[in-house]
Amino acid sequence: LLQLHPAKGAIYRRYLCKQLEGRCEINCLIFEEKIGGCRAD
């Protein structure tokens, strides 16, 4: 259960990123700005 708890937070952060018209990536492209973190490895 303790290992599953952080995964729930990552799913919620991905949802927030989509709401801000963003996408989760390893590195942002030159013409993109970093607006937060998805917190996945």
PDB file of all heavy atoms in Angstrom:
ATOM      1  N   LEU A   1       0.820  -1.211   0.000  1.00  0.00           N
ATOM      2  CA  LEU A   1       0.000   0.000   0.000  1.00  0.00           C
ATOM      3  C   LEU A   1       0.855   1.262   0.000  1.00  0.00           C
ATOM      4  O   LEU A   1       0.536   2.241  -0.666  1.00  0.00           O
ATOM      5  CB  LEU A   1      -0.933   0.004   1.210  1.00  0.00           C
ATOM      6  CG  LEU A   1      -2.131  -0.937   1.137  1.00  0.00           C
ATOM      7  CD1 LEU A   1      -2.898  -0.914   2.443  1.00  0.00           C
ATOM      8  CD2 LEU A   1      -3.030  -0.549  -0.020  1.00  0.00           C
ATOM      9  N   LEU A   2       1.949   1.244   0.728  1.00  0.00           N
ATOM     10  CA  LEU A   2       2.839   2.402   0.763  1.00  0.00           C
ATOM     11  C   LEU A   2       3.487   2.650  -0.595  1.00  0.00           C
ATOM     12  O   LEU A   2       3.736   3.794  -0.968  1.00  0.00           O
ATOM     13  CB  LEU A   2       3.916   2.220   1.836  1.00  0.00           C
ATOM     14  CG  LEU A   2       3.426   2.339   3.276  1.00  0.00           C
ATOM     15  CD1 LEU A   2       4.554   2.000   4.240  1.00  0.00           C
ATOM     16  CD2 LEU A   2       2.910   3.745   3.539  1.00  0.00           C
ATOM     17  N   GLN A   3       3.752   1.610  -1.342  1.00  0.00           N
ATOM     18  CA  GLN A   3       4.345   1.772  -2.665  1.00  0.00           C
ATOM     19  C   GLN A   3       3.327   2.284  -3.671  1.00  0.00           C
ATOM     20  O   GLN A   3       3.677   2.971  -4.623  1.00  0.00           O
ATOM     21  CB  GLN A   3       4.939   0.455  -3.145  1.00  0.00           C
ATOM     22  CG  GLN A   3       6.181   0.068  -2.394  1.00  0.00           C
ATOM     23  CD  GLN A   3       6.745  -1.249  -2.877  1.00  0.00           C
ATOM     24  OE1 GLN A   3       6.171  -1.904  -3.729  1.00  0.00           O
ATOM     25  NE2 GLN A   3       7.886  -1.633  -2.332  1.00  0.00           N
ATOM     26  N   LEU A   4       2.067   1.971  -3.497  1.00  0.00           N
ATOM     27  CA  LEU A   4       1.030   2.434  -4.417  1.00  0.00           C
ATOM     28  C   LEU A   4       0.631   3.879  -4.164  1.00  0.00           C
ATOM     29  O   LEU A   4       0.165   4.556  -5.066  1.00  0.00           O
ATOM     30  CB  LEU A   4      -0.207   1.536  -4.319  1.00  0.00           C
ATOM     31  CG  LEU A   4      -0.054   0.129  -4.860  1.00  0.00           C
ATOM     32  CD1 LEU A   4      -1.321  -0.661  -4.598  1.00  0.00           C
ATOM     33  CD2 LEU A   4       0.266   0.156  -6.336  1.00  0.00           C
ATOM     34  N   HIS A   5       0.803   4.383  -2.973  1.00  0.00           N
ATOM     35  CA  HIS A   5       0.369   5.741  -2.633  1.00  0.00           C
ATOM     36  C   HIS A   5       1.039   6.809  -3.485  1.00  0.00           C
ATOM     37  O   HIS A   5       0.352   7.677  -4.022  1.00  0.00           O
ATOM     38  CB  HIS A   5       0.586   6.011  -1.146  1.00  0.00           C
ATOM     39  CG  HIS A   5       0.171   7.374  -0.733  1.00  0.00           C
ATOM     40  ND1 HIS A   5      -1.147   7.760  -0.714  1.00  0.00           N
ATOM     41  CD2 HIS A   5       0.884   8.456  -0.368  1.00  0.00           C
ATOM     42  CE1 HIS A   5      -1.216   9.020  -0.340  1.00  0.00           C
ATOM     43  NE2 HIS A   5       0.010   9.462  -0.128  1.00  0.00           N
ATOM     44  N   PRO A   6       2.364   6.817  -3.697  1.00  0.00           N
ATOM     45  CA  PRO A   6       2.967   7.836  -4.554  1.00  0.00           C
ATOM     46  C   PRO A   6       2.497   7.750  -6.003  1.00  0.00           C
ATOM     47  O   PRO A   6       2.457   8.750  -6.692  1.00  0.00           O
ATOM     48  CB  PRO A   6       4.468   7.567  -4.464  1.00  0.00           C
ATOM     49  CG  PRO A   6       4.651   6.800  -3.216  1.00  0.00           C
ATOM     50  CD  PRO A   6       3.383   6.019  -3.025  1.00  0.00           C
ATOM     51  N   ALA A   7       2.147   6.576  -6.477  1.00  0.00           N
ATOM     52  CA  ALA A   7       1.675   6.429  -7.849  1.00  0.00           C
ATOM     53  C   ALA A   7       0.386   7.203  -8.059  1.00  0.00           C
ATOM     54  O   ALA A   7       0.160   7.761  -9.130  1.00  0.00           O
ATOM     55  CB  ALA A   7       1.470   4.953  -8.171  1.00  0.00           C
ATOM     56  N   LYS A   8      -0.456   7.262  -7.049  1.00  0.00           N
ATOM     57  CA  LYS A   8      -1.709   8.006  -7.164  1.00  0.00           C
ATOM     58  C   LYS A   8      -1.424   9.486  -7.368  1.00  0.00           C
ATOM     59  O   LYS A   8      -2.086  10.153  -8.158  1.00  0.00           O
ATOM     60  CB  LYS A   8      -2.563   7.770  -5.916  1.00  0.00           C
ATOM     61  CG  LYS A   8      -3.944   8.362  -6.012  1.00  0.00           C
ATOM     62  CD  LYS A   8      -4.820   7.911  -4.869  1.00  0.00           C
ATOM     63  CE  LYS A   8      -4.347   8.478  -3.568  1.00  0.00           C
ATOM     64  NZ  LYS A   8      -5.252   8.245  -2.453  1.00  0.00           N
ATOM     65  N   GLY A   9      -0.422  10.019  -6.694  1.00  0.00           N
ATOM     66  CA  GLY A   9      -0.057  11.418  -6.847  1.00  0.00           C
ATOM     67  C   GLY A   9       0.485  11.715  -8.238  1.00  0.00           C
ATOM     68  O   GLY A   9       0.213  12.767  -8.817  1.00  0.00           O
ATOM     69  N   ALA A  10       1.249  10.801  -8.805  1.00  0.00           N
ATOM     70  CA  ALA A  10       1.792  10.994 -10.153  1.00  0.00           C
ATOM     71  C   ALA A  10       0.682  11.020 -11.189  1.00  0.00           C
ATOM     72  O   ALA A  10       0.721  11.814 -12.135  1.00  0.00           O
ATOM     73  CB  ALA A  10       2.797   9.896 -10.474  1.00  0.00           C
ATOM     74  N   ILE A  11      -0.313  10.186 -11.019  1.00  0.00           N
ATOM     75  CA  ILE A  11      -1.446  10.179 -11.946  1.00  0.00           C
ATOM     76  C   ILE A  11      -2.182  11.500 -11.873  1.00  0.00           C
ATOM     77  O   ILE A  11      -2.562  12.069 -12.904  1.00  0.00           O
ATOM     78  CB  ILE A  11      -2.383   8.988 -11.639  1.00  0.00           C
ATOM     79  CG1 ILE A  11      -1.683   7.671 -11.958  1.00  0.00           C
ATOM     80  CG2 ILE A  11      -3.683   9.103 -12.414  1.00  0.00           C
ATOM     81  CD1 ILE A  11      -2.403   6.450 -11.443  1.00  0.00           C
ATOM     82  N   TYR A  12      -2.353  12.037 -10.684  1.00  0.00           N
ATOM     83  CA  TYR A  12      -3.038  13.323 -10.524  1.00  0.00           C
ATOM     84  C   TYR A  12      -2.227  14.456 -11.152  1.00  0.00           C
ATOM     85  O   TYR A  12      -2.773  15.338 -11.813  1.00  0.00           O
ATOM     86  CB  TYR A  12      -3.289  13.599  -9.042  1.00  0.00           C
ATOM     87  CG  TYR A  12      -4.000  14.894  -8.785  1.00  0.00           C
ATOM     88  CD1 TYR A  12      -5.322  15.061  -9.172  1.00  0.00           C
ATOM     89  CD2 TYR A  12      -3.343  15.962  -8.181  1.00  0.00           C
ATOM     90  CE1 TYR A  12      -5.976  16.258  -8.961  1.00  0.00           C
ATOM     91  CE2 TYR A  12      -3.993  17.157  -7.963  1.00  0.00           C
ATOM     92  CZ  TYR A  12      -5.311  17.299  -8.350  1.00  0.00           C
ATOM     93  OH  TYR A  12      -5.947  18.490  -8.149  1.00  0.00           O
ATOM     94  N   ARG A  13      -0.882  14.436 -10.996  1.00  0.00           N
ATOM     95  CA  ARG A  13      -0.045  15.474 -11.606  1.00  0.00           C
ATOM     96  C   ARG A  13      -0.088  15.400 -13.121  1.00  0.00           C
ATOM     97  O   ARG A  13      -0.075  16.423 -13.804  1.00  0.00           O
ATOM     98  CB  ARG A  13       1.378  15.366 -11.085  1.00  0.00           C
ATOM     99  CG  ARG A  13       1.521  15.952  -9.696  1.00  0.00           C
ATOM    100  CD  ARG A  13       2.978  16.020  -9.281  1.00  0.00           C
ATOM    101  NE  ARG A  13       3.546  14.718  -9.010  1.00  0.00           N
ATOM    102  CZ  ARG A  13       3.481  14.111  -7.827  1.00  0.00           C
ATOM    103  NH1 ARG A  13       2.880  14.695  -6.817  1.00  0.00           N
ATOM    104  NH2 ARG A  13       4.021  12.935  -7.650  1.00  0.00           N
ATOM    105  N   ARG A  14      -0.151  14.199 -13.682  1.00  0.00           N
ATOM    106  CA  ARG A  14      -0.304  14.055 -15.139  1.00  0.00           C
ATOM    107  C   ARG A  14      -1.635  14.663 -15.586  1.00  0.00           C
ATOM    108  O   ARG A  14      -1.703  15.317 -16.623  1.00  0.00           O
ATOM    109  CB  ARG A  14      -0.254  12.591 -15.553  1.00  0.00           C
ATOM    110  CG  ARG A  14       1.117  12.017 -15.580  1.00  0.00           C
ATOM    111  CD  ARG A  14       1.044  10.558 -16.023  1.00  0.00           C
ATOM    112  NE  ARG A  14       2.358   9.997 -16.078  1.00  0.00           N
ATOM    113  CZ  ARG A  14       3.038   9.854 -17.211  1.00  0.00           C
ATOM    114  NH1 ARG A  14       2.506  10.219 -18.340  1.00  0.00           N
ATOM    115  NH2 ARG A  14       4.247   9.346 -17.194  1.00  0.00           N
ATOM    116  N   TYR A  15      -2.682  14.456 -14.812  1.00  0.00           N
ATOM    117  CA  TYR A  15      -3.987  15.020 -15.133  1.00  0.00           C
ATOM    118  C   TYR A  15      -3.929  16.553 -15.110  1.00  0.00           C
ATOM    119  O   TYR A  15      -4.442  17.212 -16.011  1.00  0.00           O
ATOM    120  CB  TYR A  15      -5.035  14.504 -14.136  1.00  0.00           C
ATOM    121  CG  TYR A  15      -6.369  15.194 -14.234  1.00  0.00           C
ATOM    122  CD1 TYR A  15      -7.235  14.896 -15.275  1.00  0.00           C
ATOM    123  CD2 TYR A  15      -6.754  16.140 -13.297  1.00  0.00           C
ATOM    124  CE1 TYR A  15      -8.461  15.533 -15.374  1.00  0.00           C
ATOM    125  CE2 TYR A  15      -7.964  16.782 -13.394  1.00  0.00           C
ATOM    126  CZ  TYR A  15      -8.815  16.478 -14.429  1.00  0.00           C
ATOM    127  OH  TYR A  15     -10.024  17.111 -14.533  1.00  0.00           O
ATOM    128  N   LEU A  16      -3.263  17.116 -14.099  1.00  0.00           N
ATOM    129  CA  LEU A  16      -3.127  18.572 -14.027  1.00  0.00           C
ATOM    130  C   LEU A  16      -2.331  19.118 -15.203  1.00  0.00           C
ATOM    131  O   LEU A  16      -2.645  20.178 -15.743  1.00  0.00           O
ATOM    132  CB  LEU A  16      -2.453  18.984 -12.715  1.00  0.00           C
ATOM    133  CG  LEU A  16      -3.297  18.876 -11.457  1.00  0.00           C
ATOM    134  CD1 LEU A  16      -2.471  19.290 -10.249  1.00  0.00           C
ATOM    135  CD2 LEU A  16      -4.535  19.739 -11.561  1.00  0.00           C
ATOM    136  N   CYS A  17      -1.312  18.397 -15.606  1.00  0.00           N
ATOM    137  CA  CYS A  17      -0.501  18.810 -16.750  1.00  0.00           C
ATOM    138  C   CYS A  17      -1.369  18.863 -18.008  1.00  0.00           C
ATOM    139  O   CYS A  17      -1.278  19.804 -18.794  1.00  0.00           O
ATOM    140  CB  CYS A  17       0.667  17.851 -16.935  1.00  0.00           C
ATOM    141  SG  CYS A  17       1.838  18.339 -18.215  1.00  0.00           S
ATOM    142  N   LYS A  18      -2.212  17.876 -18.203  1.00  0.00           N
ATOM    143  CA  LYS A  18      -3.109  17.865 -19.360  1.00  0.00           C
ATOM    144  C   LYS A  18      -4.094  19.036 -19.290  1.00  0.00           C
ATOM    145  O   LYS A  18      -4.423  19.642 -20.300  1.00  0.00           O
ATOM    146  CB  LYS A  18      -3.885  16.549 -19.440  1.00  0.00           C
ATOM    147  CG  LYS A  18      -3.043  15.354 -19.713  1.00  0.00           C
ATOM    148  CD  LYS A  18      -2.598  15.315 -21.145  1.00  0.00           C
ATOM    149  CE  LYS A  18      -1.839  14.027 -21.392  1.00  0.00           C
ATOM    150  NZ  LYS A  18      -1.106  14.069 -22.630  1.00  0.00           N
ATOM    151  N   GLN A  19      -4.573  19.367 -18.103  1.00  0.00           N
ATOM    152  CA  GLN A  19      -5.502  20.485 -17.935  1.00  0.00           C
ATOM    153  C   GLN A  19      -4.841  21.817 -18.303  1.00  0.00           C
ATOM    154  O   GLN A  19      -5.504  22.736 -18.754  1.00  0.00           O
ATOM    155  CB  GLN A  19      -6.032  20.550 -16.500  1.00  0.00           C
ATOM    156  CG  GLN A  19      -6.943  19.405 -16.129  1.00  0.00           C
ATOM    157  CD  GLN A  19      -8.209  19.402 -16.949  1.00  0.00           C
ATOM    158  OE1 GLN A  19      -8.783  20.434 -17.225  1.00  0.00           O
ATOM    159  NE2 GLN A  19      -8.632  18.211 -17.354  1.00  0.00           N
ATOM    160  N   LEU A  20      -3.530  21.926 -18.111  1.00  0.00           N
ATOM    161  CA  LEU A  20      -2.791  23.143 -18.446  1.00  0.00           C
ATOM    162  C   LEU A  20      -2.290  23.112 -19.891  1.00  0.00           C
ATOM    163  O   LEU A  20      -1.421  23.889 -20.267  1.00  0.00           O
ATOM    164  CB  LEU A  20      -1.600  23.310 -17.493  1.00  0.00           C
ATOM    165  CG  LEU A  20      -1.959  23.542 -16.035  1.00  0.00           C
ATOM    166  CD1 LEU A  20      -0.711  23.480 -15.172  1.00  0.00           C
ATOM    167  CD2 LEU A  20      -2.633  24.896 -15.880  1.00  0.00           C
ATOM    168  N   GLU A  21      -2.857  22.209 -20.684  1.00  0.00           N
ATOM    169  CA  GLU A  21      -2.503  22.037 -22.093  1.00  0.00           C
ATOM    170  C   GLU A  21      -1.024  21.702 -22.267  1.00  0.00           C
ATOM    171  O   GLU A  21      -0.359  22.200 -23.167  1.00  0.00           O
ATOM    172  CB  GLU A  21      -2.876  23.281 -22.908  1.00  0.00           C
ATOM    173  CG  GLU A  21      -4.347  23.564 -22.884  1.00  0.00           C
ATOM    174  CD  GLU A  21      -4.709  24.866 -23.580  1.00  0.00           C
ATOM    175  OE1 GLU A  21      -3.804  25.561 -24.088  1.00  0.00           O
ATOM    176  OE2 GLU A  21      -5.889  25.172 -23.617  1.00  0.00           O
ATOM    177  N   GLY A  22      -0.517  20.878 -21.376  1.00  0.00           N
ATOM    178  CA  GLY A  22       0.879  20.457 -21.440  1.00  0.00           C
ATOM    179  C   GLY A  22       0.985  18.972 -21.692  1.00  0.00           C
ATOM    180  O   GLY A  22      -0.009  18.286 -21.890  1.00  0.00           O
ATOM    181  N   ARG A  23       2.221  18.507 -21.698  1.00  0.00           N
ATOM    182  CA  ARG A  23       2.471  17.078 -21.862  1.00  0.00           C
ATOM    183  C   ARG A  23       3.676  16.703 -21.014  1.00  0.00           C
ATOM    184  O   ARG A  23       4.556  17.534 -20.776  1.00  0.00           O
ATOM    185  CB  ARG A  23       2.704  16.714 -23.326  1.00  0.00           C
ATOM    186  CG  ARG A  23       3.862  17.448 -23.948  1.00  0.00           C
ATOM    187  CD  ARG A  23       3.873  17.264 -25.463  1.00  0.00           C
ATOM    188  NE  ARG A  23       5.033  17.935 -26.015  1.00  0.00           N
ATOM    189  CZ  ARG A  23       6.235  17.392 -26.129  1.00  0.00           C
ATOM    190  NH1 ARG A  23       6.429  16.147 -25.733  1.00  0.00           N
ATOM    191  NH2 ARG A  23       7.246  18.055 -26.636  1.00  0.00           N
ATOM    192  N   CYS A  24       3.724  15.487 -20.550  1.00  0.00           N
ATOM    193  CA  CYS A  24       4.820  15.017 -19.707  1.00  0.00           C
ATOM    194  C   CYS A  24       5.937  14.467 -20.592  1.00  0.00           C
ATOM    195  O   CYS A  24       5.694  13.610 -21.436  1.00  0.00           O
ATOM    196  CB  CYS A  24       4.320  13.931 -18.766  1.00  0.00           C
ATOM    197  SG  CYS A  24       3.117  14.527 -17.576  1.00  0.00           S
ATOM    198  N   GLU A  25       7.140  14.985 -20.392  1.00  0.00           N
ATOM    199  CA  GLU A  25       8.290  14.580 -21.201  1.00  0.00           C
ATOM    200  C   GLU A  25       9.541  14.514 -20.337  1.00  0.00           C
ATOM    201  O   GLU A  25       9.568  15.037 -19.226  1.00  0.00           O
ATOM    202  CB  GLU A  25       8.531  15.580 -22.339  1.00  0.00           C
ATOM    203  CG  GLU A  25       7.513  15.519 -23.447  1.00  0.00           C
ATOM    204  CD  GLU A  25       7.549  14.205 -24.214  1.00  0.00           C
ATOM    205  OE1 GLU A  25       8.629  13.604 -24.351  1.00  0.00           O
ATOM    206  OE2 GLU A  25       6.474  13.771 -24.657  1.00  0.00           O
ATOM    207  N   ILE A  26      10.585  13.911 -20.897  1.00  0.00           N
ATOM    208  CA  ILE A  26      11.871  13.854 -20.211  1.00  0.00           C
ATOM    209  C   ILE A  26      12.521  15.232 -20.229  1.00  0.00           C
ATOM    210  O   ILE A  26      12.977  15.735 -19.216  1.00  0.00           O
ATOM    211  CB  ILE A  26      12.798  12.811 -20.874  1.00  0.00           C
ATOM    212  CG1 ILE A  26      12.210  11.422 -20.704  1.00  0.00           C
ATOM    213  CG2 ILE A  26      14.189  12.860 -20.275  1.00  0.00           C
ATOM    214  CD1 ILE A  26      12.930  10.347 -21.475  1.00  0.00           C
ATOM    215  N   ASN A  27      12.565  15.863 -21.397  1.00  0.00           N
ATOM    216  CA  ASN A  27      13.119  17.204 -21.562  1.00  0.00           C
ATOM    217  C   ASN A  27      12.140  18.040 -22.371  1.00  0.00           C
ATOM    218  O   ASN A  27      11.543  17.545 -23.325  1.00  0.00           O
ATOM    219  CB  ASN A  27      14.453  17.167 -22.307  1.00  0.00           C
ATOM    220  CG  ASN A  27      15.541  16.526 -21.488  1.00  0.00           C
ATOM    221  OD1 ASN A  27      15.634  16.781 -20.290  1.00  0.00           O
ATOM    222  ND2 ASN A  27      16.357  15.701 -22.110  1.00  0.00           N
ATOM    223  N   CYS A  28      12.023  19.300 -22.033  1.00  0.00           N
ATOM    224  CA  CYS A  28      11.191  20.204 -22.821  1.00  0.00           C
ATOM    225  C   CYS A  28      11.959  20.594 -24.083  1.00  0.00           C
ATOM    226  O   CYS A  28      13.185  20.744 -24.061  1.00  0.00           O
ATOM    227  CB  CYS A  28      10.839  21.454 -22.027  1.00  0.00           C
ATOM    228  SG  CYS A  28       9.808  21.116 -20.587  1.00  0.00           S
ATOM    229  N   LEU A  29      11.248  20.776 -25.178  1.00  0.00           N
ATOM    230  CA  LEU A  29      11.868  21.214 -26.416  1.00  0.00           C
ATOM    231  C   LEU A  29      12.221  22.691 -26.331  1.00  0.00           C
ATOM    232  O   LEU A  29      11.785  23.393 -25.414  1.00  0.00           O
ATOM    233  CB  LEU A  29      10.924  20.950 -27.592  1.00  0.00           C
ATOM    234  CG  LEU A  29      10.545  19.477 -27.804  1.00  0.00           C
ATOM    235  CD1 LEU A  29       9.510  19.359 -28.905  1.00  0.00           C
ATOM    236  CD2 LEU A  29      11.769  18.652 -28.136  1.00  0.00           C
ATOM    237  N   ILE A  30      13.002  23.184 -27.291  1.00  0.00           N
ATOM    238  CA  ILE A  30      13.476  24.575 -27.262  1.00  0.00           C
ATOM    239  C   ILE A  30      12.305  25.547 -27.242  1.00  0.00           C
ATOM    240  O   ILE A  30      12.342  26.557 -26.543  1.00  0.00           O
ATOM    241  CB  ILE A  30      14.398  24.840 -28.478  1.00  0.00           C
ATOM    242  CG1 ILE A  30      15.661  23.996 -28.362  1.00  0.00           C
ATOM    243  CG2 ILE A  30      14.750  26.313 -28.587  1.00  0.00           C
ATOM    244  CD1 ILE A  30      16.526  24.021 -29.605  1.00  0.00           C
ATOM    245  N   PHE A  31      11.269  25.271 -28.008  1.00  0.00           N
ATOM    246  CA  PHE A  31      10.138  26.193 -28.114  1.00  0.00           C
ATOM    247  C   PHE A  31       9.058  25.946 -27.054  1.00  0.00           C
ATOM    248  O   PHE A  31       7.968  26.473 -27.137  1.00  0.00           O
ATOM    249  CB  PHE A  31       9.519  26.123 -29.521  1.00  0.00           C
ATOM    250  CG  PHE A  31       9.083  24.738 -29.906  1.00  0.00           C
ATOM    251  CD1 PHE A  31       7.823  24.274 -29.598  1.00  0.00           C
ATOM    252  CD2 PHE A  31       9.950  23.891 -30.577  1.00  0.00           C
ATOM    253  CE1 PHE A  31       7.421  23.004 -29.948  1.00  0.00           C
ATOM    254  CE2 PHE A  31       9.565  22.616 -30.937  1.00  0.00           C
ATOM    255  CZ  PHE A  31       8.291  22.174 -30.627  1.00  0.00           C
ATOM    256  N   GLU A  32       9.381  25.160 -26.039  1.00  0.00           N
ATOM    257  CA  GLU A  32       8.431  24.873 -24.966  1.00  0.00           C
ATOM    258  C   GLU A  32       8.940  25.433 -23.642  1.00  0.00           C
ATOM    259  O   GLU A  32      10.130  25.669 -23.466  1.00  0.00           O
ATOM    260  CB  GLU A  32       8.216  23.368 -24.817  1.00  0.00           C
ATOM    261  CG  GLU A  32       7.522  22.731 -25.983  1.00  0.00           C
ATOM    262  CD  GLU A  32       7.349  21.244 -25.803  1.00  0.00           C
ATOM    263  OE1 GLU A  32       8.230  20.589 -25.215  1.00  0.00           O
ATOM    264  OE2 GLU A  32       6.329  20.739 -26.269  1.00  0.00           O
ATOM    265  N   GLU A  33       8.021  25.636 -22.728  1.00  0.00           N
ATOM    266  CA  GLU A  33       8.381  26.088 -21.391  1.00  0.00           C
ATOM    267  C   GLU A  33       8.004  25.021 -20.375  1.00  0.00           C
ATOM    268  O   GLU A  33       7.051  24.280 -20.573  1.00  0.00           O
ATOM    269  CB  GLU A  33       7.694  27.406 -21.053  1.00  0.00           C
ATOM    270  CG  GLU A  33       6.178  27.306 -20.984  1.00  0.00           C
ATOM    271  CD  GLU A  33       5.513  28.627 -20.653  1.00  0.00           C
ATOM    272  OE1 GLU A  33       6.167  29.488 -20.052  1.00  0.00           O
ATOM    273  OE2 GLU A  33       4.349  28.782 -21.013  1.00  0.00           O
ATOM    274  N   LYS A  34       8.763  24.950 -19.305  1.00  0.00           N
ATOM    275  CA  LYS A  34       8.488  24.007 -18.221  1.00  0.00           C
ATOM    276  C   LYS A  34       7.455  24.646 -17.315  1.00  0.00           C
ATOM    277  O   LYS A  34       7.640  25.752 -16.812  1.00  0.00           O
ATOM    278  CB  LYS A  34       9.768  23.719 -17.444  1.00  0.00           C
ATOM    279  CG  LYS A  34       9.570  22.798 -16.277  1.00  0.00           C
ATOM    280  CD  LYS A  34      10.860  22.635 -15.499  1.00  0.00           C
ATOM    281  CE  LYS A  34      10.550  21.970 -14.175  1.00  0.00           C
ATOM    282  NZ  LYS A  34      11.667  22.001 -13.263  1.00  0.00           N
ATOM    283  N   ILE A  35       6.319  23.966 -17.119  1.00  0.00           N
ATOM    284  CA  ILE A  35       5.253  24.528 -16.282  1.00  0.00           C
ATOM    285  C   ILE A  35       5.026  23.730 -15.009  1.00  0.00           C
ATOM    286  O   ILE A  35       4.121  24.028 -14.248  1.00  0.00           O
ATOM    287  CB  ILE A  35       3.932  24.655 -17.071  1.00  0.00           C
ATOM    288  CG1 ILE A  35       3.496  23.308 -17.648  1.00  0.00           C
ATOM    289  CG2 ILE A  35       4.071  25.680 -18.170  1.00  0.00           C
ATOM    290  CD1 ILE A  35       2.147  23.327 -18.299  1.00  0.00           C
ATOM    291  N   GLY A  36       5.815  22.719 -14.778  1.00  0.00           N
ATOM    292  CA  GLY A  36       5.644  21.930 -13.563  1.00  0.00           C
ATOM    293  C   GLY A  36       6.313  20.585 -13.706  1.00  0.00           C
ATOM    294  O   GLY A  36       7.127  20.373 -14.589  1.00  0.00           O
ATOM    295  N   GLY A  37       5.950  19.682 -12.849  1.00  0.00           N
ATOM    296  CA  GLY A  37       6.538  18.355 -12.868  1.00  0.00           C
ATOM    297  C   GLY A  37       5.497  17.273 -12.882  1.00  0.00           C
ATOM    298  O   GLY A  37       4.440  17.398 -12.284  1.00  0.00           O
ATOM    299  N   CYS A  38       5.791  16.208 -13.604  1.00  0.00           N
ATOM    300  CA  CYS A  38       4.918  15.035 -13.608  1.00  0.00           C
ATOM    301  C   CYS A  38       5.361  14.031 -12.553  1.00  0.00           C
ATOM    302  O   CYS A  38       4.619  13.155 -12.173  1.00  0.00           O
ATOM    303  CB  CYS A  38       4.911  14.388 -14.984  1.00  0.00           C
ATOM    304  SG  CYS A  38       4.120  15.406 -16.224  1.00  0.00           S
ATOM    305  N   ARG A  39       6.621  14.142 -12.101  1.00  0.00           N
ATOM    306  CA  ARG A  39       7.194  13.347 -11.013  1.00  0.00           C
ATOM    307  C   ARG A  39       7.216  11.853 -11.287  1.00  0.00           C
ATOM    308  O   ARG A  39       7.214  11.060 -10.371  1.00  0.00           O
ATOM    309  CB  ARG A  39       6.447  13.585  -9.705  1.00  0.00           C
ATOM    310  CG  ARG A  39       6.503  14.993  -9.250  1.00  0.00           C
ATOM    311  CD  ARG A  39       7.838  15.305  -8.689  1.00  0.00           C
ATOM    312  NE  ARG A  39       7.809  16.665  -8.135  1.00  0.00           N
ATOM    313  CZ  ARG A  39       8.823  17.469  -8.135  1.00  0.00           C
ATOM    314  NH1 ARG A  39       9.955  17.102  -8.626  1.00  0.00           N
ATOM    315  NH2 ARG A  39       8.713  18.671  -7.625  1.00  0.00           N
ATOM    316  N   ALA A  40       7.242  11.476 -12.539  1.00  0.00           N
ATOM    317  CA  ALA A  40       7.460  10.065 -12.854  1.00  0.00           C
ATOM    318  C   ALA A  40       8.935   9.903 -13.209  1.00  0.00           C
ATOM    319  O   ALA A  40       9.577  10.846 -13.642  1.00  0.00           O
ATOM    320  CB  ALA A  40       6.572   9.639 -14.014  1.00  0.00           C
ATOM    321  N   ASP A  41       9.470   8.724 -13.037  1.00  0.00           N
ATOM    322  CA  ASP A  41      10.892   8.513 -13.307  1.00  0.00           C
ATOM    323  C   ASP A  41      11.250   8.789 -14.760  1.00  0.00           C
ATOM    324  O   ASP A  41      12.270   9.384 -15.051  1.00  0.00           O
ATOM    325  CB  ASP A  41      11.292   7.087 -12.948  1.00  0.00           C
ATOM    326  CG  ASP A  41      11.294   6.865 -11.453  1.00  0.00           C
ATOM    327  OD1 ASP A  41      11.397   7.865 -10.717  1.00  0.00           O
ATOM    328  OD2 ASP A  41      11.197   5.709 -11.030  1.00  0.00           O
TER     329      ASP A  41
END
